[in-house]
C-alpha atoms as a PDB file:
ATOM      1  CA  MET A   1      -1.246 -27.525  20.636  1.00  0.00           C
ATOM      2  CA  THR A   2       1.558 -25.500  22.222  1.00  0.00           C
ATOM      3  CA  LEU A   3       2.357 -21.938  21.216  1.00  0.00           C
ATOM      4  CA  VAL A   4       5.491 -23.066  19.356  1.00  0.00           C
ATOM      5  CA  GLU A   5       3.481 -25.648  17.420  1.00  0.00           C
ATOM      6  CA  ALA A   6       0.772 -23.112  16.631  1.00  0.00           C
ATOM      7  CA  ILE A   7       3.384 -20.768  15.161  1.00  0.00           C
ATOM      8  CA  GLY A   8       5.485 -23.354  13.368  1.00  0.00           C
ATOM      9  CA  GLU A   9       2.870 -25.770  12.011  1.00  0.00           C
ATOM     10  CA  PRO A  10       1.343 -23.430   9.371  1.00  0.00           C
ATOM     11  CA  PHE A  11       4.737 -22.764   7.793  1.00  0.00           C
ATOM     12  CA  ARG A  12       5.200 -26.405   6.881  1.00  0.00           C
ATOM     13  CA  HIS A  13       3.041 -25.612   3.870  1.00  0.00           C
ATOM     14  CA  PRO A  14       4.728 -23.962   0.846  1.00  0.00           C
ATOM     15  CA  PHE A  15       1.813 -21.569   0.290  1.00  0.00           C
ATOM     16  CA  MET A  16       2.194 -20.261   3.851  1.00  0.00           C
ATOM     17  CA  LEU A  17       5.911 -19.707   3.364  1.00  0.00           C
ATOM     18  CA  ARG A  18       5.174 -17.658   0.237  1.00  0.00           C
ATOM     19  CA  ALA A  19       2.494 -15.752   2.130  1.00  0.00           C
ATOM     20  CA  LEU A  20       4.954 -15.084   4.971  1.00  0.00           C
ATOM     21  CA  ALA A  21       7.580 -13.754   2.560  1.00  0.00           C
ATOM     22  CA  SER A  22       4.983 -11.534   0.895  1.00  0.00           C
ATOM     23  CA  VAL A  23       3.763 -10.146   4.230  1.00  0.00           C
ATOM     24  CA  VAL A  24       7.322  -9.338   5.320  1.00  0.00           C
ATOM     25  CA  ILE A  25       8.218  -7.568   2.069  1.00  0.00           C
ATOM     26  CA  VAL A  26       4.942  -5.688   1.700  1.00  0.00           C
ATOM     27  CA  GLY A  27       4.754  -4.799   5.395  1.00  0.00           C
ATOM     28  CA  ALA A  28       8.238  -3.293   5.485  1.00  0.00           C
ATOM     29  CA  LEU A  29       7.688  -1.445   2.198  1.00  0.00           C
ATOM     30  CA  ASN A  30       4.404   0.095   3.352  1.00  0.00           C
ATOM     31  CA  ALA A  31       5.828   1.107   6.721  1.00  0.00           C
ATOM     32  CA  ILE A  32       8.723   2.967   5.096  1.00  0.00           C
ATOM     33  CA  VAL A  33       6.767   4.633   2.295  1.00  0.00           C
ATOM     34  CA  GLY A  34       3.868   5.249   4.665  1.00  0.00           C
ATOM     35  CA  THR A  35       6.154   7.299   6.907  1.00  0.00           C
ATOM     36  CA  PHE A  36       6.328   9.952   4.190  1.00  0.00           C
ATOM     37  CA  VAL A  37       2.595   9.613   3.533  1.00  0.00           C
ATOM     38  CA  VAL A  38       1.769  10.366   7.186  1.00  0.00           C
ATOM     39  CA  LEU A  39       4.434  13.069   7.381  1.00  0.00           C
ATOM     40  CA  ARG A  40       2.949  14.848   4.362  1.00  0.00           C
ATOM     41  CA  GLY A  41      -0.653  14.325   5.504  1.00  0.00           C
ATOM     42  CA  MET A  42      -1.385  12.299   2.343  1.00  0.00           C
ATOM     43  CA  SER A  43      -3.452   9.514   3.881  1.00  0.00           C
ATOM     44  CA  PHE A  44      -6.447  10.471   1.754  1.00  0.00           C
ATOM     45  CA  TYR A  45      -4.266  10.240  -1.331  1.00  0.00           C
ATOM     46  CA  GLY A  46      -3.237   6.678  -0.489  1.00  0.00           C
ATOM     47  CA  SER A  47      -6.849   5.631  -0.032  1.00  0.00           C
ATOM     48  CA  ALA A  48      -7.952   7.353  -3.230  1.00  0.00           C
ATOM     49  CA  LEU A  49      -5.156   5.865  -5.321  1.00  0.00           C
ATOM     50  CA  ALA A  50      -5.886   2.359  -4.028  1.00  0.00           C
ATOM     51  CA  HIS A  51      -9.468   2.629  -5.263  1.00  0.00           C
ATOM     52  CA  ALA A  52      -8.546   4.492  -8.447  1.00  0.00           C
ATOM     53  CA  ILE A  53      -6.683   1.495  -9.886  1.00  0.00           C
ATOM     54  CA  LEU A  54      -9.962  -0.384 -10.289  1.00  0.00           C
ATOM     55  CA  PRO A  55     -10.380   0.714 -13.945  1.00  0.00           C
ATOM     56  CA  GLY A  56      -6.985  -0.759 -14.804  1.00  0.00           C
ATOM     57  CA  VAL A  57      -7.883  -4.077 -13.189  1.00  0.00           C
ATOM     58  CA  ALA A  58     -11.232  -4.080 -15.009  1.00  0.00           C
ATOM     59  CA  VAL A  59      -9.677  -3.278 -18.402  1.00  0.00           C
ATOM     60  CA  GLY A  60      -7.073  -6.016 -17.956  1.00  0.00           C
ATOM     61  CA  TYR A  61      -9.770  -8.508 -17.033  1.00  0.00           C
ATOM     62  CA  LEU A  62     -11.988  -7.544 -19.993  1.00  0.00           C
ATOM     63  CA  LEU A  63      -9.044  -7.919 -22.376  1.00  0.00           C
ATOM     64  CA  GLY A  64      -8.425 -11.451 -21.157  1.00  0.00           C
ATOM     65  CA  PHE A  65      -5.474 -10.823 -18.819  1.00  0.00           C
ATOM     66  CA  SER A  66      -7.151 -12.522 -15.877  1.00  0.00           C
ATOM     67  CA  GLY A  67      -3.862 -13.811 -14.458  1.00  0.00           C
ATOM     68  CA  LYS A  68      -2.360 -11.818 -11.592  1.00  0.00           C
ATOM     69  CA  GLY A  69       0.713 -10.945 -13.657  1.00  0.00           C
ATOM     70  CA  GLY A  70      -1.269  -9.329 -16.455  1.00  0.00           C
ATOM     71  CA  LEU A  71      -3.614  -7.463 -14.146  1.00  0.00           C
ATOM     72  CA  PHE A  72      -0.609  -6.159 -12.190  1.00  0.00           C
ATOM     73  CA  TRP A  73       0.597  -4.088 -15.155  1.00  0.00           C
ATOM     74  CA  PHE A  74      -2.869  -2.745 -15.916  1.00  0.00           C
ATOM     75  CA  ALA A  75      -3.250  -1.758 -12.266  1.00  0.00           C
ATOM     76  CA  LEU A  76       0.123  -0.004 -12.382  1.00  0.00           C
ATOM     77  CA  LEU A  77      -0.902   1.931 -15.502  1.00  0.00           C
ATOM     78  CA  ALA A  78      -4.154   2.988 -13.827  1.00  0.00           C
ATOM     79  CA  ALA A  79      -2.231   4.134 -10.740  1.00  0.00           C
ATOM     80  CA  ALA A  80       0.126   6.195 -12.900  1.00  0.00           C
ATOM     81  CA  ALA A  81      -2.811   7.712 -14.793  1.00  0.00           C
ATOM     82  CA  SER A  82      -4.537   8.591 -11.514  1.00  0.00           C
ATOM     83  CA  ALA A  83      -1.381  10.217 -10.128  1.00  0.00           C
ATOM     84  CA  LEU A  84      -0.992  12.279 -13.315  1.00  0.00           C
ATOM     85  CA  LEU A  85      -4.664  13.297 -13.192  1.00  0.00           C
ATOM     86  CA  ILE A  86      -4.309  14.458  -9.582  1.00  0.00           C
ATOM     87  CA  GLY A  87      -1.182  16.420 -10.478  1.00  0.00           C
ATOM     88  CA  TRP A  88      -2.872  18.027 -13.476  1.00  0.00           C
ATOM     89  CA  ILE A  89      -5.906  19.156 -11.463  1.00  0.00           C
ATOM     90  CA  ARG A  90      -3.710  20.349  -8.601  1.00  0.00           C
ATOM     91  CA  ASN A  91      -1.715  22.590 -10.943  1.00  0.00           C
ATOM     92  CA  ASP A  92      -4.700  24.947 -11.007  1.00  0.00           C
ATOM     93  CA  ARG A  93      -3.943  27.209  -8.047  1.00  0.00           C
ATOM     94  CA  ARG A  94      -7.653  27.770  -7.448  1.00  0.00           C
ATOM     95  CA  LEU A  95      -8.043  24.106  -6.395  1.00  0.00           C
ATOM     96  CA  ASN A  96      -6.352  22.507  -3.395  1.00  0.00           C
ATOM     97  CA  THR A  97      -4.906  19.009  -3.190  1.00  0.00           C
ATOM     98  CA  ASP A  98      -7.910  17.453  -1.443  1.00  0.00           C
ATOM     99  CA  THR A  99     -10.177  18.694  -4.227  1.00  0.00           C
ATOM    100  CA  ALA A 100      -7.915  17.208  -6.892  1.00  0.00           C
ATOM    101  CA  ILE A 101      -7.752  13.869  -5.081  1.00  0.00           C
ATOM    102  CA  GLY A 102     -11.515  13.765  -4.566  1.00  0.00           C
ATOM    103  CA  ILE A 103     -12.233  14.421  -8.251  1.00  0.00           C
ATOM    104  CA  ALA A 104      -9.707  11.866  -9.497  1.00  0.00           C
ATOM    105  CA  PHE A 105     -10.755   9.257  -6.920  1.00  0.00           C
ATOM    106  CA  SER A 106     -14.474   9.449  -7.668  1.00  0.00           C
ATOM    107  CA  SER A 107     -13.977   9.614 -11.448  1.00  0.00           C
ATOM    108  CA  MET A 108     -11.634   6.628 -11.638  1.00  0.00           C
ATOM    109  CA  LEU A 109     -13.741   4.575  -9.229  1.00  0.00           C
ATOM    110  CA  ALA A 110     -16.885   5.309 -11.236  1.00  0.00           C
ATOM    111  CA  LEU A 111     -15.102   4.317 -14.449  1.00  0.00           C
ATOM    112  CA  GLY A 112     -14.026   1.038 -12.851  1.00  0.00           C
ATOM    113  CA  VAL A 113     -17.568   0.263 -11.711  1.00  0.00           C
ATOM    114  CA  VAL A 114     -18.928   0.981 -15.197  1.00  0.00           C
ATOM    115  CA  LEU A 115     -16.339  -1.291 -16.793  1.00  0.00           C
ATOM    116  CA  ILE A 116     -16.791  -4.245 -14.479  1.00  0.00           C
ATOM    117  CA  SER A 117     -20.584  -3.997 -14.712  1.00  0.00           C
ATOM    118  CA  THR A 118     -20.382  -4.856 -18.423  1.00  0.00           C
ATOM    119  CA  THR A 119     -19.665  -8.506 -17.652  1.00  0.00           C
ATOM    120  CA  ASP A 120     -21.371 -11.031 -15.401  1.00  0.00           C
ATOM    121  CA  SER A 121     -18.315 -13.189 -14.715  1.00  0.00           C
ATOM    122  CA  TYR A 122     -16.014 -10.751 -13.004  1.00  0.00           C
ATOM    123  CA  SER A 123     -16.989 -11.314  -9.365  1.00  0.00           C
ATOM    124  CA  ILE A 124     -14.771 -14.269  -8.464  1.00  0.00           C
ATOM    125  CA  ASP A 125     -11.532 -13.050 -10.052  1.00  0.00           C
ATOM    126  CA  LEU A 126     -11.848  -9.408  -9.001  1.00  0.00           C
ATOM    127  CA  THR A 127     -12.844 -10.228  -5.425  1.00  0.00           C
ATOM    128  CA  HIS A 128      -9.198 -11.058  -4.709  1.00  0.00           C
ATOM    129  CA  PHE A 129      -8.218  -7.557  -5.782  1.00  0.00           C
ATOM    130  CA  LEU A 130     -10.904  -5.976  -3.636  1.00  0.00           C
ATOM    131  CA  PHE A 131     -10.122  -7.891  -0.432  1.00  0.00           C
ATOM    132  CA  GLY A 132      -6.757  -9.551  -1.065  1.00  0.00           C
ATOM    133  CA  ASN A 133      -5.679 -13.187  -0.936  1.00  0.00           C
ATOM    134  CA  VAL A 134      -2.125 -13.456   0.318  1.00  0.00           C
ATOM    135  CA  LEU A 135      -2.472 -17.248   0.607  1.00  0.00           C
ATOM    136  CA  ALA A 136      -2.637 -17.443  -3.196  1.00  0.00           C
ATOM    137  CA  VAL A 137       0.731 -15.739  -3.766  1.00  0.00           C
ATOM    138  CA  THR A 138       2.772 -17.508  -6.440  1.00  0.00           C
ATOM    139  CA  ASP A 139       6.526 -17.607  -6.910  1.00  0.00           C
ATOM    140  CA  ALA A 140       6.209 -15.239  -9.888  1.00  0.00           C
ATOM    141  CA  SER A 141       4.134 -12.662  -7.985  1.00  0.00           C
ATOM    142  CA  LEU A 142       6.475 -12.916  -5.001  1.00  0.00           C
ATOM    143  CA  LEU A 143       9.478 -12.237  -7.226  1.00  0.00           C
ATOM    144  CA  ARG A 144       7.654  -9.292  -8.821  1.00  0.00           C
ATOM    145  CA  THR A 145       6.879  -7.895  -5.367  1.00  0.00           C
ATOM    146  CA  LEU A 146      10.489  -8.277  -4.265  1.00  0.00           C
ATOM    147  CA  ILE A 147      11.866  -6.517  -7.357  1.00  0.00           C
ATOM    148  CA  ALA A 148       9.396  -3.637  -6.991  1.00  0.00           C
ATOM    149  CA  ALA A 149      10.238  -3.283  -3.287  1.00  0.00           C
ATOM    150  CA  VAL A 150      13.980  -3.186  -3.998  1.00  0.00           C
ATOM    151  CA  VAL A 151      13.461  -0.502  -6.653  1.00  0.00           C
ATOM    152  CA  VAL A 152      11.218   1.644  -4.429  1.00  0.00           C
ATOM    153  CA  LEU A 153      13.507   1.375  -1.403  1.00  0.00           C
ATOM    154  CA  GLY A 154      16.558   2.051  -3.583  1.00  0.00           C
ATOM    155  CA  VAL A 155      14.995   5.252  -4.915  1.00  0.00           C
ATOM    156  CA  LEU A 156      14.034   6.280  -1.370  1.00  0.00           C
ATOM    157  CA  ARG A 157      17.573   5.658  -0.179  1.00  0.00           C
ATOM    158  CA  VAL A 158      19.037   7.902  -2.882  1.00  0.00           C
ATOM    159  CA  SER A 159      16.460  10.693  -2.489  1.00  0.00           C
ATOM    160  CA  TYR A 160      15.921  10.401   1.276  1.00  0.00           C
ATOM    161  CA  ARG A 161      17.282  13.798   2.360  1.00  0.00           C
ATOM    162  CA  PRO A 162      15.557  15.991  -0.258  1.00  0.00           C
ATOM    163  CA  LEU A 163      12.290  14.076   0.206  1.00  0.00           C
ATOM    164  CA  LEU A 164      12.545  14.645   3.951  1.00  0.00           C
ATOM    165  CA  LEU A 165      13.211  18.348   3.476  1.00  0.00           C
ATOM    166  CA  VAL A 166      10.326  18.712   1.034  1.00  0.00           C
ATOM    167  CA  SER A 167       8.040  16.805   3.398  1.00  0.00           C
ATOM    168  CA  PHE A 168       8.816  18.969   6.436  1.00  0.00           C
ATOM    169  CA  ASP A 169       9.029  22.405   4.790  1.00  0.00           C
ATOM    170  CA  PRO A 170       8.517  22.799   1.008  1.00  0.00           C
ATOM    171  CA  GLU A 171       9.141  26.555   1.085  1.00  0.00           C
ATOM    172  CA  HIS A 172      12.424  26.093   2.929  1.00  0.00           C
ATOM    173  CA  ALA A 173      13.384  23.404   0.407  1.00  0.00           C
ATOM    174  CA  ARG A 174      12.807  25.842  -2.467  1.00  0.00           C
ATOM    175  CA  THR A 175      15.246  28.323  -0.942  1.00  0.00           C
ATOM    176  CA  PHE A 176      17.912  25.613  -1.149  1.00  0.00           C
ATOM    177  CA  GLY A 177      17.118  25.031  -4.814  1.00  0.00           C
ATOM    178  CA  VAL A 178      15.371  21.702  -4.266  1.00  0.00           C
ATOM    179  CA  PRO A 179      12.920  20.988  -7.132  1.00  0.00           C
ATOM    180  CA  VAL A 180       9.855  20.511  -4.932  1.00  0.00           C
ATOM    181  CA  ARG A 181       7.447  19.585  -7.733  1.00  0.00           C
ATOM    182  CA  ARG A 182       9.815  16.926  -9.024  1.00  0.00           C
ATOM    183  CA  TYR A 183      10.129  15.287  -5.617  1.00  0.00           C
ATOM    184  CA  ASP A 184       6.373  15.543  -5.090  1.00  0.00           C
ATOM    185  CA  ALA A 185       5.875  13.632  -8.333  1.00  0.00           C
ATOM    186  CA  LEU A 186       8.516  11.100  -7.300  1.00  0.00           C
ATOM    187  CA  LEU A 187       6.765  10.441  -3.983  1.00  0.00           C
ATOM    188  CA  LEU A 188       3.419  10.007  -5.742  1.00  0.00           C
ATOM    189  CA  ALA A 189       5.002   7.468  -8.095  1.00  0.00           C
ATOM    190  CA  LEU A 190       6.551   5.523  -5.197  1.00  0.00           C
ATOM    191  CA  ILE A 191       3.209   5.429  -3.397  1.00  0.00           C
ATOM    192  CA  ALA A 192       1.516   4.183  -6.572  1.00  0.00           C
ATOM    193  CA  VAL A 193       3.989   1.309  -7.021  1.00  0.00           C
ATOM    194  CA  THR A 194       3.740   0.405  -3.325  1.00  0.00           C
ATOM    195  CA  ILE A 195      -0.043   0.214  -3.510  1.00  0.00           C
ATOM    196  CA  VAL A 196      -0.086  -1.927  -6.631  1.00  0.00           C
ATOM    197  CA  VAL A 197       2.406  -4.504  -5.336  1.00  0.00           C
ATOM    198  CA  SER A 198       0.505  -4.726  -2.034  1.00  0.00           C
ATOM    199  CA  LEU A 199      -2.889  -5.469  -3.553  1.00  0.00           C
ATOM    200  CA  GLN A 200      -2.733  -9.239  -3.274  1.00  0.00           C
ATOM    201  CA  THR A 201      -1.919  -8.978   0.422  1.00  0.00           C
ATOM    202  CA  VAL A 202      -4.849  -6.872   1.652  1.00  0.00           C
ATOM    203  CA  GLY A 203      -6.747  -5.794  -1.470  1.00  0.00           C
ATOM    204  CA  ILE A 204      -8.052  -2.445  -2.674  1.00  0.00           C
ATOM    205  CA  ALA A 205     -10.571  -2.009   0.148  1.00  0.00           C
ATOM    206  CA  LEU A 206      -7.988  -2.290   2.966  1.00  0.00           C
ATOM    207  CA  MET A 207      -4.917  -0.868   1.245  1.00  0.00           C
ATOM    208  CA  ALA A 208      -5.042   2.550   2.926  1.00  0.00           C
ATOM    209  CA  ALA A 209      -4.880   0.926   6.378  1.00  0.00           C
ATOM    210  CA  LEU A 210      -1.723  -1.010   5.512  1.00  0.00           C
ATOM    211  CA  LEU A 211      -0.071   2.118   4.115  1.00  0.00           C
ATOM    212  CA  VAL A 212      -0.935   4.439   7.007  1.00  0.00           C
ATOM    213  CA  THR A 213      -1.384   2.459  10.243  1.00  0.00           C
ATOM    214  CA  PRO A 214       2.193   1.097  10.719  1.00  0.00           C
ATOM    215  CA  ALA A 215       3.693   4.536  10.076  1.00  0.00           C
ATOM    216  CA  ALA A 216       1.183   6.156  12.435  1.00  0.00           C
ATOM    217  CA  THR A 217       2.171   3.606  15.081  1.00  0.00           C
ATOM    218  CA  GLY A 218       5.810   4.554  14.554  1.00  0.00           C
ATOM    219  CA  TYR A 219       5.006   8.237  15.024  1.00  0.00           C
ATOM    220  CA  LEU A 220       3.498   7.458  18.421  1.00  0.00           C
ATOM    221  CA  LEU A 221       6.634   5.648  19.576  1.00  0.00           C
ATOM    222  CA  ALA A 222       9.541   7.663  18.147  1.00  0.00           C
ATOM    223  CA  ARG A 223      10.583  11.292  17.781  1.00  0.00           C
ATOM    224  CA  ARG A 224      12.973  11.110  14.836  1.00  0.00           C
ATOM    225  CA  VAL A 225      12.166   9.859  11.349  1.00  0.00           C
ATOM    226  CA  PRO A 226      14.614   6.877  11.394  1.00  0.00           C
ATOM    227  CA  GLY A 227      13.012   5.760  14.657  1.00  0.00           C
ATOM    228  CA  VAL A 228       9.551   6.184  13.175  1.00  0.00           C
ATOM    229  CA  ILE A 229      10.545   4.003  10.226  1.00  0.00           C
ATOM    230  CA  ALA A 230      12.032   1.339  12.511  1.00  0.00           C
ATOM    231  CA  ALA A 231       9.027   1.260  14.871  1.00  0.00           C
ATOM    232  CA  GLY A 232       6.549   1.303  11.975  1.00  0.00           C
ATOM    233  CA  THR A 233       8.346  -1.531  10.223  1.00  0.00           C
ATOM    234  CA  ALA A 234       8.356  -3.585  13.421  1.00  0.00           C
ATOM    235  CA  ALA A 235       4.612  -2.987  13.851  1.00  0.00           C
ATOM    236  CA  ALA A 236       3.943  -3.990  10.241  1.00  0.00           C
ATOM    237  CA  LEU A 237       5.962  -7.196  10.553  1.00  0.00           C
ATOM    238  CA  VAL A 238       4.596  -8.263  13.941  1.00  0.00           C
ATOM    239  CA  GLY A 239       1.025  -7.400  12.987  1.00  0.00           C
ATOM    240  CA  GLY A 240       1.356  -8.917   9.540  1.00  0.00           C
ATOM    241  CA  ILE A 241       2.735 -12.237  10.748  1.00  0.00           C
ATOM    242  CA  GLY A 242       0.299 -12.327  13.682  1.00  0.00           C
ATOM    243  CA  GLY A 243      -2.651 -11.626  11.384  1.00  0.00           C
ATOM    244  CA  LEU A 244      -1.481 -14.287   8.941  1.00  0.00           C
ATOM    245  CA  LEU A 245      -1.293 -16.919  11.706  1.00  0.00           C
ATOM    246  CA  PHE A 246      -4.675 -15.852  13.077  1.00  0.00           C
ATOM    247  CA  SER A 247      -6.311 -16.164   9.653  1.00  0.00           C
ATOM    248  CA  TYR A 248      -4.830 -19.661   9.220  1.00  0.00           C
ATOM    249  CA  HIS A 249      -6.012 -21.042  12.551  1.00  0.00           C
ATOM    250  CA  VAL A 250      -9.417 -19.322  12.657  1.00  0.00           C
ATOM    251  CA  ASN A 251     -10.074 -19.608   8.911  1.00  0.00           C
ATOM    252  CA  VAL A 252     -10.906 -15.954   8.243  1.00  0.00           C
ATOM    253  CA  ALA A 253      -9.909 -13.571   5.457  1.00  0.00           C
ATOM    254  CA  SER A 254      -6.141 -13.075   5.610  1.00  0.00           C
ATOM    255  CA  GLY A 255      -6.047  -9.438   4.453  1.00  0.00           C
ATOM    256  CA  ALA A 256      -8.621  -8.313   6.998  1.00  0.00           C
ATOM    257  CA  ALA A 257      -6.899 -10.279   9.772  1.00  0.00           C
ATOM    258  CA  ILE A 258      -3.562  -8.610   8.984  1.00  0.00           C
ATOM    259  CA  VAL A 259      -5.085  -5.118   9.035  1.00  0.00           C
ATOM    260  CA  LEU A 260      -6.893  -5.833  12.326  1.00  0.00           C
ATOM    261  CA  ALA A 261      -3.691  -7.100  13.938  1.00  0.00           C
ATOM    262  CA  ILE A 262      -1.755  -3.995  12.842  1.00  0.00           C
ATOM    263  CA  SER A 263      -4.617  -1.777  14.035  1.00  0.00           C
ATOM    264  CA  ALA A 264      -4.548  -3.525  17.419  1.00  0.00           C
ATOM    265  CA  LEU A 265      -0.838  -2.676  17.731  1.00  0.00           C
ATOM    266  CA  PHE A 266      -1.678   0.947  16.921  1.00  0.00           C
ATOM    267  CA  VAL A 267      -4.204   0.994  19.781  1.00  0.00           C
ATOM    268  CA  VAL A 268      -1.599  -0.467  22.151  1.00  0.00           C
ATOM    269  CA  ALA A 269       0.938   2.135  21.025  1.00  0.00           C
ATOM    270  CA  ARG A 270      -1.633   4.907  21.443  1.00  0.00           C
ATOM    271  CA  VAL A 271      -2.305   3.865  25.033  1.00  0.00           C
ATOM    272  CA  ALA A 272       1.387   3.357  25.829  1.00  0.00           C
ATOM    273  CA  ALA A 273       2.387   6.686  24.260  1.00  0.00           C
ATOM    274  CA  ARG A 274       0.214   8.603  26.732  1.00  0.00           C
END
């Protein structure tokens, strides 16, 4: 099989075309939102929030919403609740952000484990949320992902400058009358939506890598934020498509293959950036 055949043959199947579209949308979305995550030093927050949605998935499953569409909304509610909990704990000036994230992360994860342990039939359905299954993307879930991505990127486009100012220097932003807390909350909400719509691609366990690694790769290759976004998006797309093809031909887990491919590009960028 030639290289062209190896690349083109998998996409003769409709499920691979849907998976490709999902990888492109989710990869670009995570690279752009992840730029602000890395800029703000919020990588731990992304990891914590990805795991903190487990209670929402468990509640949706226990209530009979085992379809991906139903569980999506429960996961989104859990992400919003986790973001609010982190914000509430962080409002106490005696506690820093890492402390708030650690408390919310461990509490929500423990609640999710307790909930899913009440049933013996959860393992098969919830495994896809833990490790992802981009090959099972449906037209409905793809449309939902596209709409969410358009909304998130639209909000980022409108609030780009104040978010950038708040990310670089919150105190300086306050002197210009920028409502720092409001934009902090907005960024947390955008991260939450990004994580939830990306779950089927890489799953809860690998979500933090997809959110952080492309942006980190961009930071190694560019000096200005637009360049970081462009380089990170390119890394996410190349790694995502490469990982998807690798998983098809070698028959390994697609989410893990995508993350490994993106991580490999980060290593290349790290060596080249020296």
